Amino acid sequence: MILARAAAERAARDSHARLLAILAARTRDLTAAEDALAEAFRAALDHWPRTGVPDRPDAWLMTAAKRAAGAARARARTASDALPSLILLTAEEAAMPDAIPDRRLALLFACTHPDLDPAVQTPLMLQVVLGLTADRIAPAFLLTATALGQRLTRAKARLKASGAGFEVPDGDALSERFPQVMEAVLATAALGWEAVPGSDPARADLANEALHLADVLVSVMPEEPEPRALLALILYVQARAPARAKAYTPLEEQDTTLWDRDAIMAANRHLKAASAQGRLGRFQLEAAIQAVHAE
């Protein structure tokens, strides 16, 4: 039981956002995708202690979530309370790809749909892509958890009503919406930087998630300097993580021998590449300040 619960918690921490992004792309309904994935994790906690943790938990959970989503659609069509039994066939699990694609960036862009109030876009991204609760997000936006929760619920309903696409946009839509995505990635990194030794491991993972998403943004928009500068900014600050004994540790109190020199060199390269494009922006300025600290 303990092993099964630990495996489910690890899957929730490592794979929840990726699975949610895929389900949302299928259903075009964030709330329905969240409900289906929650049902899949509930089923895992019920099945895994009795049958053992599957070799590929992600594939198991995706199959379970698809079944739960299908059951929800069936109930909506028939108004029946009967639930089809959740039987996860080994053949179905084996048919899942070994590497479930990472569609989190597409989900981030869905949360910047023009029908949504810009003020709710970043909180929505933090909740649906990173799994943060309204309680954790609300203080950063000077709101109560109840007020923010209501806004997020309305935003999800508006996305469903708009028929929003859940893929990375192109052309003008991409250019218009990526600044808001970068804001969410930076907010994710900032939450991760609060982690210190002995704190919640999930919080430390947020900084790594931000690094990954920033790297994906660079690959999507290689000609734009600001995503590369954002990646440099995150790398500079993350390089000092081993020397932070508390959430804020002044530079003069840090043991610089603990800094990650490889991360600093990578940040230098990204900042130099961004600067070479000759279009100065906010993230280049912030990364340049961090470069001075690193030097």
Protein backbone atom coordinates (compact mmCIF):
# COMPACT_ATOMS: atom_id res chain seq x y z
CA MET A 1 0.00 0.00 0.00
CA ILE A 2 2.80 2.40 0.94
CA LEU A 3 4.74 1.63 -2.23
CA ALA A 4 1.64 2.06 -4.38
CA ARG A 5 0.80 5.40 -2.78
CA ALA A 6 4.37 6.60 -3.18
CA ALA A 7 4.31 5.60 -6.87
CA ALA A 8 1.02 7.48 -7.38
CA GLU A 9 2.41 10.57 -5.66
CA ARG A 10 5.55 10.44 -7.79
CA ALA A 11 3.47 10.10 -10.97
CA ALA A 12 1.32 13.03 -9.88
CA ARG A 13 4.41 15.17 -9.33
CA ASP A 14 6.23 14.15 -12.49
CA SER A 15 3.46 13.54 -15.03
CA HIS A 16 0.25 15.29 -13.99
CA ALA A 17 0.74 18.34 -16.21
CA ARG A 18 1.80 16.33 -19.27
CA LEU A 19 -1.19 14.00 -18.95
CA LEU A 20 -3.57 16.90 -18.35
CA ALA A 21 -2.31 18.69 -21.46
CA ILE A 22 -2.99 15.64 -23.63
CA LEU A 23 -6.46 15.10 -22.15
CA ALA A 24 -7.36 18.77 -22.54
CA ALA A 25 -6.34 18.64 -26.20
CA ARG A 26 -8.66 15.66 -26.69
CA THR A 27 -11.67 16.98 -24.77
CA ARG A 28 -11.27 20.75 -25.36
CA ASP A 29 -12.52 21.03 -21.76
CA LEU A 30 -10.04 21.73 -18.95
CA THR A 31 -12.49 20.92 -16.18
CA ALA A 32 -13.46 17.60 -17.75
CA ALA A 33 -9.78 16.73 -18.26
CA GLU A 34 -8.99 17.55 -14.63
CA ASP A 35 -11.91 15.41 -13.44
CA ALA A 36 -10.89 12.47 -15.63
CA LEU A 37 -7.30 12.61 -14.42
CA ALA A 38 -8.42 12.84 -10.79
CA GLU A 39 -10.52 9.71 -11.35
CA ALA A 40 -7.50 7.96 -12.86
CA PHE A 41 -5.38 8.70 -9.79
CA ARG A 42 -8.21 7.54 -7.53
CA ALA A 43 -8.36 4.30 -9.51
CA ALA A 44 -4.60 3.90 -9.19
CA LEU A 45 -4.80 4.18 -5.41
CA ASP A 46 -7.50 1.51 -5.49
CA HIS A 47 -5.87 -0.90 -7.97
CA TRP A 48 -2.13 -0.62 -7.47
CA PRO A 49 -2.02 -1.88 -3.86
CA ARG A 50 -3.81 -5.06 -5.05
CA THR A 51 -2.27 -5.61 -8.49
CA GLY A 52 1.13 -3.94 -8.10
CA VAL A 53 2.51 -0.77 -9.64
CA PRO A 54 2.51 -1.13 -13.46
CA ASP A 55 5.77 -0.95 -15.39
CA ARG A 56 4.54 2.21 -17.11
CA PRO A 57 2.45 4.23 -14.65
CA ASP A 58 1.98 7.09 -17.14
CA ALA A 59 0.42 4.80 -19.73
CA TRP A 60 -1.79 3.17 -17.09
CA LEU A 61 -3.01 6.55 -15.87
CA MET A 62 -3.64 7.82 -19.39
CA THR A 63 -5.72 4.76 -20.24
CA ALA A 64 -7.68 5.15 -17.01
CA ALA A 65 -8.24 8.85 -17.62
CA LYS A 66 -9.47 8.24 -21.17
CA ARG A 67 -11.94 5.68 -19.84
CA ALA A 68 -13.10 8.08 -17.15
CA ALA A 69 -13.56 10.85 -19.72
CA GLY A 70 -15.53 8.49 -21.94
CA ALA A 71 -17.70 7.45 -19.01
CA ALA A 72 -18.38 11.11 -18.21
CA ARG A 73 -19.45 11.76 -21.80
CA ALA A 74 -21.69 8.71 -21.71
CA ARG A 75 -23.33 9.90 -18.51
CA ALA A 76 -23.90 13.31 -20.05
CA ARG A 77 -25.57 11.71 -23.07
CA THR A 78 -27.74 9.18 -21.24
CA ALA A 79 -28.26 10.89 -17.87
CA SER A 80 -27.46 7.51 -16.37
CA ASP A 81 -25.67 7.02 -13.08
CA ALA A 82 -24.24 3.69 -14.15
CA LEU A 83 -20.46 3.74 -14.47
CA PRO A 84 -18.72 1.31 -16.80
CA SER A 85 -16.26 -0.77 -14.85
CA LEU A 86 -12.70 0.45 -15.04
CA ILE A 87 -10.79 -2.47 -16.55
CA LEU A 88 -7.32 -1.56 -17.68
CA LEU A 89 -6.25 -4.08 -20.29
CA THR A 90 -2.59 -4.91 -20.59
CA ALA A 91 -2.92 -4.73 -24.36
CA GLU A 92 -4.16 -1.14 -24.16
CA GLU A 93 -1.32 -0.15 -21.89
CA ALA A 94 1.20 -1.78 -24.22
CA ALA A 95 -0.25 0.17 -27.13
CA MET A 96 0.60 3.47 -25.47
CA PRO A 97 3.82 5.10 -26.74
CA ASP A 98 6.84 4.71 -24.49
CA ALA A 99 7.31 8.47 -24.35
CA ILE A 100 4.07 10.36 -23.73
CA PRO A 101 4.54 13.68 -25.55
CA ASP A 102 5.02 16.84 -23.55
CA ARG A 103 2.17 19.15 -24.50
CA ARG A 104 2.46 21.50 -21.55
CA LEU A 105 3.53 24.40 -23.72
CA ALA A 106 0.38 23.98 -25.81
CA LEU A 107 -1.67 24.05 -22.63
CA LEU A 108 0.11 27.23 -21.53
CA PHE A 109 -0.81 28.92 -24.80
CA ALA A 110 -4.43 27.75 -24.43
CA CYS A 111 -4.52 29.61 -21.11
CA THR A 112 -3.61 32.84 -22.94
CA HIS A 113 -6.65 32.69 -25.19
CA PRO A 114 -7.78 36.24 -26.08
CA ASP A 115 -11.26 35.56 -24.67
CA LEU A 116 -9.72 35.35 -21.18
CA ASP A 117 -9.09 38.32 -18.90
CA PRO A 118 -5.29 38.88 -18.93
CA ALA A 119 -5.38 39.16 -15.14
CA VAL A 120 -6.45 35.53 -14.80
CA GLN A 121 -4.17 34.03 -17.44
CA THR A 122 -1.04 33.62 -15.33
CA PRO A 123 -2.92 32.17 -12.30
CA LEU A 124 -4.72 29.80 -14.66
CA MET A 125 -1.42 28.63 -16.14
CA LEU A 126 0.03 28.08 -12.67
CA GLN A 127 -2.95 25.99 -11.65
CA VAL A 128 -3.63 23.81 -14.67
CA VAL A 129 -0.08 23.29 -15.93
CA LEU A 130 1.77 23.10 -12.63
CA GLY A 131 -0.97 21.80 -10.36
CA LEU A 132 -0.73 24.64 -7.85
CA THR A 133 -3.79 25.21 -5.70
CA ALA A 134 -5.65 28.50 -5.42
CA ASP A 135 -4.43 28.70 -1.80
CA ARG A 136 -0.81 28.77 -2.98
CA ILE A 137 -1.37 31.12 -5.92
CA ALA A 138 -3.76 33.67 -4.41
CA PRO A 139 -1.33 35.55 -2.10
CA ALA A 140 0.94 36.39 -5.04
CA PHE A 141 -1.99 38.19 -6.70
CA LEU A 142 -3.34 39.85 -3.54
CA LEU A 143 -6.54 37.79 -3.68
CA THR A 144 -8.31 35.40 -1.36
CA ALA A 145 -8.25 31.74 -2.36
CA THR A 146 -12.05 31.82 -2.73
CA ALA A 147 -12.03 34.81 -5.06
CA LEU A 148 -9.24 33.37 -7.18
CA GLY A 149 -10.92 29.97 -7.30
CA GLN A 150 -14.09 31.56 -8.66
CA ARG A 151 -12.14 33.43 -11.32
CA LEU A 152 -10.34 30.27 -12.39
CA THR A 153 -13.61 28.35 -12.63
CA ARG A 154 -15.11 31.06 -14.82
CA ALA A 155 -11.99 31.12 -16.98
CA LYS A 156 -12.18 27.36 -17.63
CA ALA A 157 -15.86 27.65 -18.54
CA ARG A 158 -15.03 30.50 -20.93
CA LEU A 159 -12.30 28.43 -22.58
CA LYS A 160 -14.77 25.59 -23.11
CA ALA A 161 -17.42 27.93 -24.53
CA SER A 162 -14.91 29.52 -26.91
CA GLY A 163 -13.84 26.18 -28.35
CA ALA A 164 -10.23 27.21 -27.76
CA GLY A 165 -7.54 25.21 -29.46
CA PHE A 166 -5.05 23.37 -27.28
CA GLU A 167 -2.01 23.60 -29.47
CA VAL A 168 0.85 26.06 -29.89
CA PRO A 169 -0.45 28.87 -32.14
CA ASP A 170 1.51 30.25 -35.05
CA GLY A 171 1.95 33.56 -36.81
CA ASP A 172 0.64 36.69 -35.14
CA ALA A 173 -1.17 34.73 -32.42
CA LEU A 174 2.13 33.24 -31.28
CA SER A 175 3.85 36.64 -31.18
CA GLU A 176 0.98 38.24 -29.27
CA ARG A 177 0.60 35.53 -26.67
CA PHE A 178 4.11 34.35 -25.84
CA PRO A 179 4.91 37.27 -23.44
CA GLN A 180 2.17 36.07 -21.10
CA VAL A 181 3.53 32.53 -21.28
CA MET A 182 6.98 33.82 -20.35
CA GLU A 183 5.47 35.59 -17.33
CA ALA A 184 4.01 32.28 -16.14
CA VAL A 185 7.31 30.47 -16.67
CA LEU A 186 9.13 33.12 -14.62
CA ALA A 187 6.48 32.90 -11.88
CA THR A 188 7.01 29.14 -11.82
CA ALA A 189 10.75 29.60 -11.40
CA ALA A 190 10.23 32.14 -8.62
CA LEU A 191 8.07 29.69 -6.67
CA GLY A 192 10.76 27.05 -7.13
CA TRP A 193 13.49 29.38 -5.85
CA GLU A 194 11.73 29.49 -2.48
CA ALA A 195 12.73 25.86 -1.94
CA VAL A 196 15.50 25.20 0.56
CA PRO A 197 16.98 21.98 1.98
CA GLY A 198 14.27 20.05 3.79
CA SER A 199 11.34 21.83 2.11
CA ASP A 200 8.69 20.25 -0.10
CA PRO A 201 10.51 18.47 -3.00
CA ALA A 202 7.67 19.46 -5.33
CA ARG A 203 8.56 23.12 -4.83
CA ALA A 204 12.16 22.49 -5.88
CA ASP A 205 10.86 20.69 -8.96
CA LEU A 206 9.09 23.88 -10.04
CA ALA A 207 12.40 25.56 -10.87
CA ASN A 208 13.37 22.58 -13.02
CA GLU A 209 9.95 22.69 -14.71
CA ALA A 210 10.51 26.36 -15.48
CA LEU A 211 13.91 25.59 -16.99
CA HIS A 212 12.38 22.93 -19.21
CA LEU A 213 9.51 25.16 -20.36
CA ALA A 214 11.86 28.05 -21.08
CA ASP A 215 14.03 25.72 -23.15
CA VAL A 216 10.96 24.57 -25.09
CA LEU A 217 9.98 28.22 -25.68
CA VAL A 218 13.42 28.86 -27.18
CA SER A 219 12.98 25.90 -29.53
CA VAL A 220 9.55 27.17 -30.60
CA MET A 221 10.73 30.75 -31.14
CA PRO A 222 14.45 30.54 -31.99
CA GLU A 223 14.48 33.96 -33.67
CA GLU A 224 13.07 35.80 -30.63
CA PRO A 225 15.66 37.10 -28.13
CA GLU A 226 13.45 37.31 -25.05
CA PRO A 227 12.73 33.56 -24.56
CA ARG A 228 16.48 32.91 -24.71
CA ALA A 229 17.08 35.72 -22.21
CA LEU A 230 14.42 34.23 -19.93
CA LEU A 231 16.23 30.89 -20.08
CA ALA A 232 19.49 32.66 -19.19
CA LEU A 233 17.83 34.47 -16.28
CA ILE A 234 16.49 31.23 -14.82
CA LEU A 235 19.84 29.47 -15.29
CA TYR A 236 21.74 32.25 -13.48
CA VAL A 237 19.49 32.14 -10.44
CA GLN A 238 19.17 28.38 -10.41
CA ALA A 239 22.97 28.08 -10.50
CA ARG A 240 23.07 29.55 -6.99
CA ALA A 241 20.48 27.13 -5.55
CA PRO A 242 23.04 24.89 -3.79
CA ALA A 243 24.31 27.90 -1.82
CA ARG A 244 20.92 29.04 -0.56
CA ALA A 245 20.41 27.97 3.04
CA LYS A 246 17.05 29.75 3.17
CA ALA A 247 14.61 31.15 0.61
CA TYR A 248 16.54 34.45 0.48
CA THR A 249 20.25 34.26 1.20
CA PRO A 250 22.23 37.44 0.40
CA LEU A 251 25.04 36.94 -2.08
CA GLU A 252 27.70 37.89 0.47
CA GLU A 253 26.49 35.03 2.69
CA GLN A 254 26.65 32.40 -0.07
CA ASP A 255 29.53 30.00 -0.57
CA THR A 256 30.27 30.68 -4.23
CA THR A 257 32.23 27.44 -4.56
CA LEU A 258 28.83 25.72 -4.44
CA TRP A 259 27.50 27.59 -7.46
CA ASP A 260 26.90 25.57 -10.61
CA ARG A 261 29.57 26.91 -12.97
CA ASP A 262 28.25 24.94 -15.96
CA ALA A 263 24.82 26.54 -15.55
CA ILE A 264 26.42 29.99 -15.38
CA MET A 265 28.41 29.36 -18.57
CA ALA A 266 25.25 28.13 -20.33
CA ALA A 267 23.42 31.26 -19.17
CA ASN A 268 26.25 33.42 -20.52
CA ARG A 269 25.92 31.77 -23.93
CA HIS A 270 22.16 32.25 -24.06
CA LEU A 271 22.37 35.89 -22.97
CA LYS A 272 25.08 36.61 -25.55
CA ALA A 273 22.95 35.01 -28.29
CA ALA A 274 19.90 37.04 -27.22
CA SER A 275 21.88 40.29 -27.12
CA ALA A 276 23.35 39.64 -30.57
CA GLN A 277 19.89 40.01 -32.11
CA GLY A 278 19.89 43.72 -31.31
CA ARG A 279 16.40 43.93 -29.76
CA LEU A 280 16.71 44.80 -26.09
CA GLY A 281 13.94 43.63 -23.79
CA ARG A 282 13.02 43.22 -20.15
CA PHE A 283 14.34 39.69 -19.71
CA GLN A 284 17.68 40.60 -21.29
CA LEU A 285 18.06 43.41 -18.76
CA GLU A 286 17.17 41.17 -15.83
CA ALA A 287 19.49 38.41 -17.07
CA ALA A 288 22.30 40.95 -17.50
CA ILE A 289 21.91 41.98 -13.84
CA GLN A 290 22.20 38.34 -12.83
CA ALA A 291 25.27 37.99 -15.05
CA VAL A 292 26.93 40.77 -13.07
CA HIS A 293 26.09 38.95 -9.82
CA ALA A 294 27.55 35.75 -11.25
CA GLU A 295 30.75 37.53 -12.31
